Amino acid sequence: MKIKEQLDILYPILNDISPIPKNVWEEASKYFKSIVTKQGEYLFRMGDKVENFYFLIYGLARYFYLTPDGKEFNKSFAQAQGHLLSSISSVSKGETSPFFVEVLSDLTTLCISYKDFMKLADHYPQWNQLTLRIYENLIIKKERREADFLVLSATQRYKKFLSEFPEVAKIVPNYHIASYLGITEVALSRIRKQINLS
């Protein structure tokens, strides 16, 4: 797929988050490049200094933490077009990423450096508003994830996962899903039996 087609996918998604005039988008488009990452590869790893924002066009990915003894804990999944993949602490503070992003199916992203993204925000008020809305959405997502762990049962969390990530649910092993839900694989198996999915 040509980069123009990918930009044509991304523009209405970002414009829906916060309106971007065509002339601003035309200028911003010059800073994006298309990146294809193959299944099983990493967009970036824990310990990397991340310098870019990656906007998902096609494919699936997972974010996960790795403990010193080698255990993986899934932070989130990326499935929706326009999903922003990055490490905010890394791009904004120059710290190393605390997590990995692994590609679950061949991933096409539109990549822009954080430096260029913020340069656009300095030059265009509409892009600055987009930046604020993106950060707001990230905070809201984090709040909802925390609330899910506090107020939803494991069964409710699993049903919400199936609703939010139907494509991911088809391809990832159950132990990845259990990790994301904060339960054991045995507990997930019981839940799947209860709702007739085993």
Protein backbone atom coordinates (compact mmCIF):
# COMPACT_ATOMS: atom_id res chain seq x y z
CA MET A 1 0.00 0.00 0.00
CA LYS A 2 1.33 3.42 -0.99
CA ILE A 3 2.00 5.98 1.72
CA LYS A 4 -0.67 8.30 0.29
CA GLU A 5 -3.31 5.60 0.85
CA GLN A 6 -2.05 5.13 4.41
CA LEU A 7 -2.20 8.88 5.04
CA ASP A 8 -5.75 8.88 3.67
CA ILE A 9 -6.62 6.30 6.34
CA LEU A 10 -4.94 8.20 9.17
CA TYR A 11 -6.21 11.71 8.40
CA PRO A 12 -9.93 11.18 9.18
CA ILE A 13 -9.00 9.30 12.37
CA LEU A 14 -6.84 12.16 13.67
CA ASN A 15 -9.32 14.73 12.36
CA ASP A 16 -12.02 13.03 14.42
CA ILE A 17 -9.87 13.35 17.55
CA SER A 18 -9.37 17.07 16.90
CA PRO A 19 -10.11 18.98 13.65
CA ILE A 20 -7.09 19.48 11.40
CA PRO A 21 -7.39 21.84 8.42
CA LYS A 22 -6.29 20.37 5.09
CA ASN A 23 -3.39 22.78 4.73
CA VAL A 24 -2.04 21.77 8.16
CA TRP A 25 -2.42 18.09 7.30
CA GLU A 26 -0.60 18.57 4.00
CA GLU A 27 2.33 20.09 5.88
CA ALA A 28 2.26 17.41 8.59
CA SER A 29 2.10 14.61 6.01
CA LYS A 30 5.62 15.46 4.86
CA TYR A 31 7.00 14.24 8.20
CA PHE A 32 5.43 10.76 8.14
CA LYS A 33 7.06 7.65 6.75
CA SER A 34 5.67 4.16 6.35
CA ILE A 35 7.19 1.34 8.40
CA VAL A 36 6.45 -2.37 7.95
CA THR A 37 7.39 -4.67 10.83
CA LYS A 38 7.06 -8.42 10.43
CA GLN A 39 5.23 -10.81 12.76
CA GLY A 40 7.43 -11.83 15.68
CA GLU A 41 9.63 -8.77 15.43
CA TYR A 42 9.63 -5.86 17.87
CA LEU A 43 8.65 -2.29 17.09
CA PHE A 44 10.88 -1.43 20.04
CA ARG A 45 12.22 -3.20 23.11
CA MET A 46 12.49 -2.55 26.81
CA GLY A 47 15.65 -0.51 27.27
CA ASP A 48 15.40 1.25 23.89
CA LYS A 49 15.25 5.02 23.69
CA VAL A 50 12.10 5.56 21.65
CA GLU A 51 12.08 8.66 19.48
CA ASN A 52 8.95 8.16 17.37
CA PHE A 53 5.19 8.00 17.38
CA TYR A 54 3.86 5.04 15.36
CA PHE A 55 0.25 5.17 14.17
CA LEU A 56 -1.20 1.77 13.35
CA ILE A 57 -2.57 1.29 9.84
CA TYR A 58 -2.75 -2.51 9.63
CA GLY A 59 -1.77 -5.36 11.92
CA LEU A 60 -1.75 -6.32 15.58
CA ALA A 61 0.73 -5.80 18.41
CA ARG A 62 1.08 -6.28 22.14
CA TYR A 63 2.81 -4.24 24.84
CA PHE A 64 4.42 -6.27 27.59
CA TYR A 65 6.73 -5.93 30.58
CA LEU A 66 9.49 -8.44 31.37
CA THR A 67 10.52 -9.14 34.95
CA PRO A 68 14.15 -9.87 35.89
CA ASP A 69 13.25 -13.57 36.24
CA GLY A 70 11.84 -13.70 32.71
CA LYS A 71 8.08 -13.47 33.33
CA GLU A 72 6.01 -11.49 30.84
CA PHE A 73 3.08 -9.30 31.83
CA ASN A 74 0.88 -7.91 29.08
CA LYS A 75 0.17 -4.21 29.36
CA SER A 76 -2.10 -3.75 26.35
CA PHE A 77 -2.81 -4.68 22.76
CA ALA A 78 -3.00 -2.62 19.58
CA GLN A 79 -5.61 -3.46 16.98
CA ALA A 80 -7.52 -0.35 15.90
CA GLN A 81 -6.41 1.79 12.97
CA GLY A 82 -4.90 5.03 14.21
CA HIS A 83 -3.78 3.49 17.52
CA LEU A 84 -0.69 5.30 18.78
CA LEU A 85 2.23 3.01 19.65
CA SER A 86 5.04 4.59 21.63
CA SER A 87 6.55 4.99 25.07
CA ILE A 88 5.53 8.41 26.36
CA SER A 89 8.15 8.42 29.13
CA SER A 90 10.82 7.61 26.57
CA VAL A 91 9.91 10.12 23.84
CA SER A 92 9.15 12.97 26.23
CA LYS A 93 11.78 12.45 28.95
CA GLY A 94 14.55 10.66 27.08
CA GLU A 95 14.23 7.65 29.35
CA THR A 96 14.48 4.07 28.12
CA SER A 97 11.24 2.25 27.36
CA PRO A 98 10.03 0.16 30.31
CA PHE A 99 8.24 -2.29 28.00
CA PHE A 100 8.37 -4.13 24.66
CA VAL A 101 6.04 -3.83 21.67
CA GLU A 102 5.90 -7.16 19.84
CA VAL A 103 4.23 -7.55 16.45
CA LEU A 104 1.53 -10.25 16.45
CA SER A 105 0.69 -9.98 12.75
CA ASP A 106 2.56 -8.03 10.07
CA LEU A 107 2.32 -4.41 11.14
CA THR A 108 2.12 -1.32 8.94
CA THR A 109 2.52 1.98 10.78
CA LEU A 110 2.93 5.61 9.86
CA CYS A 111 5.91 6.89 11.81
CA ILE A 112 6.72 10.47 12.78
CA SER A 113 9.50 11.55 15.11
CA TYR A 114 8.34 12.98 18.42
CA LYS A 115 10.53 16.00 17.73
CA ASP A 116 8.73 16.70 14.45
CA PHE A 117 5.33 16.03 16.02
CA MET A 118 5.98 18.63 18.70
CA LYS A 119 7.47 21.06 16.17
CA LEU A 120 4.15 20.92 14.31
CA ALA A 121 2.36 21.58 17.62
CA ASP A 122 4.52 24.68 18.13
CA HIS A 123 3.70 26.00 14.65
CA TYR A 124 0.00 25.13 14.32
CA PRO A 125 -2.61 25.67 17.07
CA GLN A 126 -4.76 22.90 15.57
CA TRP A 127 -1.90 20.43 15.85
CA ASN A 128 -1.30 21.54 19.41
CA GLN A 129 -4.97 20.78 20.15
CA LEU A 130 -4.57 17.37 18.55
CA THR A 131 -1.58 16.70 20.80
CA LEU A 132 -3.61 17.64 23.89
CA ARG A 133 -6.53 15.41 22.83
CA ILE A 134 -4.18 12.47 22.21
CA TYR A 135 -2.68 12.83 25.67
CA GLU A 136 -6.15 13.17 27.20
CA ASN A 137 -7.23 9.96 25.47
CA LEU A 138 -4.17 8.12 26.79
CA ILE A 139 -4.94 9.28 30.34
CA ILE A 140 -8.60 8.27 30.00
CA LYS A 141 -7.58 4.84 28.72
CA LYS A 142 -5.25 4.40 31.71
CA GLU A 143 -8.01 5.48 34.14
CA ARG A 144 -10.48 3.01 32.63
CA ARG A 145 -7.94 0.19 32.78
CA GLU A 146 -7.33 0.90 36.47
CA ALA A 147 -11.08 1.08 37.12
CA ASP A 148 -11.61 -2.27 35.38
CA PHE A 149 -9.22 -3.96 37.80
CA LEU A 150 -10.91 -2.36 40.80
CA VAL A 151 -14.61 -2.68 39.98
CA LEU A 152 -15.04 -5.45 37.39
CA SER A 153 -14.90 -9.17 38.04
CA ALA A 154 -12.46 -11.31 36.07
CA THR A 155 -15.36 -12.58 33.94
CA GLN A 156 -16.47 -9.02 33.18
CA ARG A 157 -12.90 -8.05 32.29
CA TYR A 158 -12.65 -11.02 29.93
CA LYS A 159 -15.91 -10.15 28.19
CA LYS A 160 -14.72 -6.56 27.80
CA PHE A 161 -11.44 -7.83 26.34
CA LEU A 162 -13.34 -9.92 23.77
CA SER A 163 -15.37 -6.85 22.83
CA GLU A 164 -12.38 -4.50 22.56
CA PHE A 165 -9.87 -6.88 20.95
CA PRO A 166 -11.78 -9.48 18.88
CA GLU A 167 -8.95 -9.93 16.37
CA VAL A 168 -6.32 -10.27 19.08
CA ALA A 169 -8.47 -12.86 20.87
CA LYS A 170 -8.42 -15.05 17.75
CA ILE A 171 -4.64 -15.36 17.53
CA VAL A 172 -2.97 -14.94 20.93
CA PRO A 173 -2.51 -17.86 23.34
CA ASN A 174 -4.73 -17.91 26.40
CA TYR A 175 -1.77 -17.28 28.70
CA HIS A 176 -1.29 -13.87 27.05
CA ILE A 177 -4.95 -13.03 27.63
CA ALA A 178 -4.78 -14.24 31.23
CA SER A 179 -1.72 -12.05 31.81
CA TYR A 180 -3.54 -9.01 30.44
CA LEU A 181 -6.54 -9.73 32.68
CA GLY A 182 -4.37 -10.20 35.77
CA ILE A 183 -5.48 -13.81 36.36
CA THR A 184 -3.99 -17.28 35.95
CA GLU A 185 -4.49 -19.36 32.82
CA VAL A 186 -6.40 -21.89 34.95
CA ALA A 187 -8.80 -19.15 36.10
CA LEU A 188 -9.29 -18.05 32.49
CA SER A 189 -10.06 -21.62 31.49
CA ARG A 190 -12.78 -21.76 34.17
CA ILE A 191 -14.26 -18.49 32.92
CA ARG A 192 -14.25 -19.74 29.32
CA LYS A 193 -16.12 -22.88 30.41
CA GLN A 194 -18.67 -20.80 32.32
CA ILE A 195 -19.46 -18.74 29.23
CA ASN A 196 -19.21 -21.75 26.88
CA LEU A 197 -16.04 -20.68 25.02
CA SER A 198 -13.81 -23.63 25.85
